[in-house]
Protein backbone atom coordinates (compact mmCIF):
# COMPACT_ATOMS: atom_id res chain seq x y z
CA MET A 1 -18.38 4.05 -15.94
CA TYR A 2 -18.50 0.99 -13.69
CA SER A 3 -17.26 -1.31 -16.44
CA LYS A 4 -14.08 0.73 -16.95
CA VAL A 5 -13.22 0.64 -13.23
CA PHE A 6 -14.20 -3.03 -13.18
CA LYS A 7 -11.77 -3.85 -16.00
CA ILE A 8 -8.97 -1.92 -14.25
CA LEU A 9 -9.61 -3.82 -11.01
CA ILE A 10 -9.62 -7.16 -12.82
CA THR A 11 -6.41 -6.29 -14.69
CA ALA A 12 -4.70 -5.44 -11.40
CA GLU A 13 -6.09 -8.62 -9.81
CA ILE A 14 -4.80 -10.80 -12.66
CA ILE A 15 -1.35 -9.22 -12.28
CA PHE A 16 -1.45 -9.87 -8.51
CA LEU A 17 -2.53 -13.46 -9.19
CA LEU A 18 0.35 -14.07 -11.59
CA ILE A 19 2.80 -12.67 -9.05
CA GLN A 20 1.20 -14.83 -6.36
CA PHE A 21 1.50 -17.94 -8.48
CA TRP A 22 5.15 -17.21 -9.26
CA LEU A 23 5.95 -16.58 -5.59
CA GLY A 24 4.01 -19.66 -4.49
CA MET A 25 5.80 -21.95 -6.92
CA SER A 26 9.16 -20.44 -5.98
CA ILE A 27 8.47 -20.95 -2.28
CA ASN A 28 7.14 -24.45 -2.86
CA LEU A 29 10.22 -25.46 -4.81
CA PHE A 30 13.05 -23.57 -3.16
CA VAL A 31 12.11 -22.52 0.39
CA PHE A 32 12.09 -24.79 3.42
CA LEU A 33 9.60 -23.46 5.98
CA PRO A 34 10.80 -24.19 9.49
CA LEU A 35 8.11 -25.84 11.60
CA ASN A 36 8.65 -23.79 14.76
CA SER A 37 9.44 -20.37 13.33
CA ALA A 38 7.61 -19.95 10.01
CA GLN A 39 6.49 -16.45 11.12
CA ASN A 40 10.08 -15.32 11.74
CA PHE A 41 10.50 -14.28 8.12
CA ALA A 42 14.01 -12.87 8.60
CA GLY A 43 15.11 -16.06 10.35
CA TYR A 44 15.34 -18.34 7.32
CA SER A 45 16.33 -18.23 3.68
CA GLY A 46 13.32 -17.27 1.57
CA GLY A 47 11.41 -15.76 4.46
CA GLU A 48 11.08 -12.43 2.65
CA GLU A 49 9.45 -14.23 -0.28
CA VAL A 50 7.00 -15.87 2.12
CA LEU A 51 6.12 -12.49 3.65
CA THR A 52 5.68 -10.97 0.18
CA HIS A 53 3.46 -13.93 -0.75
CA ILE A 54 1.30 -13.29 2.32
CA ILE A 55 1.02 -9.54 1.68
CA ASN A 56 0.16 -10.15 -1.97
CA GLY A 57 -2.49 -12.67 -0.88
CA VAL A 58 -4.10 -10.05 1.36
CA LEU A 59 -4.11 -7.60 -1.59
CA ILE A 60 -5.73 -10.25 -3.78
CA LEU A 61 -8.42 -10.83 -1.16
CA ALA A 62 -9.08 -7.08 -0.83
CA PHE A 63 -9.31 -6.64 -4.59
CA ALA A 64 -11.65 -9.66 -4.80
CA GLY A 65 -14.02 -7.81 -2.47
CA LEU A 66 -13.83 -4.66 -4.59
CA ILE A 67 -14.41 -6.64 -7.77
CA LEU A 68 -17.44 -8.31 -6.19
CA SER A 69 -18.82 -4.89 -5.26
CA TYR A 70 -18.37 -3.54 -8.80
CA GLY A 71 -19.62 -6.81 -10.28
CA PHE A 72 -22.97 -6.30 -8.55
CA ARG A 73 -23.13 -2.72 -9.84
CA LEU A 74 -22.87 -3.94 -13.44
CA LYS A 75 -26.23 -5.72 -12.96
CA SER A 76 -25.12 -8.88 -14.75
CA SER A 77 -26.03 -11.99 -12.81
CA PHE A 78 -23.36 -14.07 -14.55
CA ILE A 79 -20.58 -11.58 -13.76
CA SER A 80 -21.83 -11.36 -10.18
CA ALA A 81 -21.81 -15.15 -9.90
CA LEU A 82 -18.26 -15.34 -11.26
CA SER A 83 -17.19 -12.67 -8.78
CA VAL A 84 -18.70 -14.65 -5.89
CA ILE A 85 -16.96 -17.83 -7.08
CA ALA A 86 -13.65 -15.98 -7.38
CA LEU A 87 -13.98 -14.51 -3.88
CA LEU A 88 -14.95 -17.90 -2.46
CA PHE A 89 -11.93 -19.66 -3.98
CA THR A 90 -9.65 -16.77 -3.02
CA THR A 91 -10.79 -17.37 0.55
CA VAL A 92 -10.14 -21.10 0.14
CA ALA A 93 -6.60 -20.37 -1.11
CA VAL A 94 -5.90 -18.01 1.80
CA SER A 95 -7.23 -20.41 4.43
CA THR A 96 -5.36 -23.40 3.02
CA GLY A 97 -2.22 -21.27 2.78
CA LEU A 98 -2.53 -20.28 6.43
CA THR A 99 -3.09 -23.89 7.45
CA PHE A 100 -0.12 -24.99 5.36
CA ALA A 101 2.23 -22.35 6.77
CA LEU A 102 1.18 -22.46 10.40
CA SER A 103 0.80 -26.14 11.13
CA LEU A 104 0.54 -28.76 8.44
CA ARG A 105 3.01 -29.15 5.59
CA ASP A 106 0.61 -31.32 3.61
CA ASN A 107 1.00 -31.39 -0.17
CA ASN A 108 -2.79 -31.64 -0.50
CA LEU A 109 -3.03 -28.12 0.89
CA SER A 110 -0.48 -26.93 -1.65
CA MET A 111 -2.54 -28.56 -4.40
CA ALA A 112 -5.70 -26.90 -3.06
CA MET A 113 -3.98 -23.51 -3.30
CA ALA A 114 -2.89 -24.19 -6.89
CA VAL A 115 -6.34 -25.38 -8.00
CA SER A 116 -7.96 -22.41 -6.25
CA PHE A 117 -5.60 -20.13 -8.15
CA LEU A 118 -6.66 -21.70 -11.45
CA ILE A 119 -10.36 -21.32 -10.68
CA VAL A 120 -9.93 -17.69 -9.59
CA PHE A 121 -7.77 -16.86 -12.61
CA ILE A 122 -10.27 -18.40 -15.04
CA ALA A 123 -13.18 -16.60 -13.35
CA TYR A 124 -11.49 -13.20 -13.58
CA PHE A 125 -10.26 -13.76 -17.11
CA SER A 126 -13.83 -14.71 -18.10
CA GLU A 127 -15.20 -11.60 -16.41
CA PHE A 128 -12.71 -9.41 -18.24
CA TYR A 129 -13.82 -10.94 -21.54
CA LEU A 130 -17.53 -10.66 -20.71
CA VAL A 131 -17.33 -7.02 -19.67
CA GLY A 132 -15.76 -6.27 -23.06
CA LYS A 133 -18.69 -8.03 -24.74
CA ILE A 134 -21.20 -6.13 -22.60
CA ASP A 135 -19.53 -2.82 -23.48
CA ALA A 136 -19.55 -3.72 -27.18
CA SER A 137 -23.25 -4.66 -27.11
CA ALA A 138 -24.07 -1.47 -25.19
CA ASP A 139 -22.26 0.59 -27.83
CA CYS A 140 -24.18 -1.16 -30.60
CA THR A 141 -27.47 -0.57 -28.79
CA SER A 142 -26.74 3.12 -28.23
CA LYS A 143 -25.74 3.60 -31.89
CA THR A 144 -28.94 1.96 -33.20
CA SER A 145 -31.12 4.01 -30.83
CA GLU A 146 -29.48 7.24 -32.05
CA GLN A 147 -30.43 6.49 -35.68
């Protein structure tokens, strides 16, 4: 039961992450964030993309919390650890993104967001794979106990 919901949450999270990466790269390459009015999203070209990027980031953070909750319910310490790592680096990406947008336009912050994305993506992809393995081993165990 939990593993099916868990896989759905991870699938949605991976889709959100891919959208976030695409938006982030697009903003990084094509949008100039004004120093004094970065929060006035309608006031500059690409502001709507920036707002969408922020909203999607909040969704990713919310889903990371849900995934962590379901990860603990699966009673696998490795999946739980991966979920904690993913939530931690999601938080790093959000905080560096806020710092980048609100004050500093440092390329190191942009790199930190990109590396955080990679770590989070790998963690969730690994969890998706591992839950499939856990389900397969549980099916094998239940079939052998029935015989």
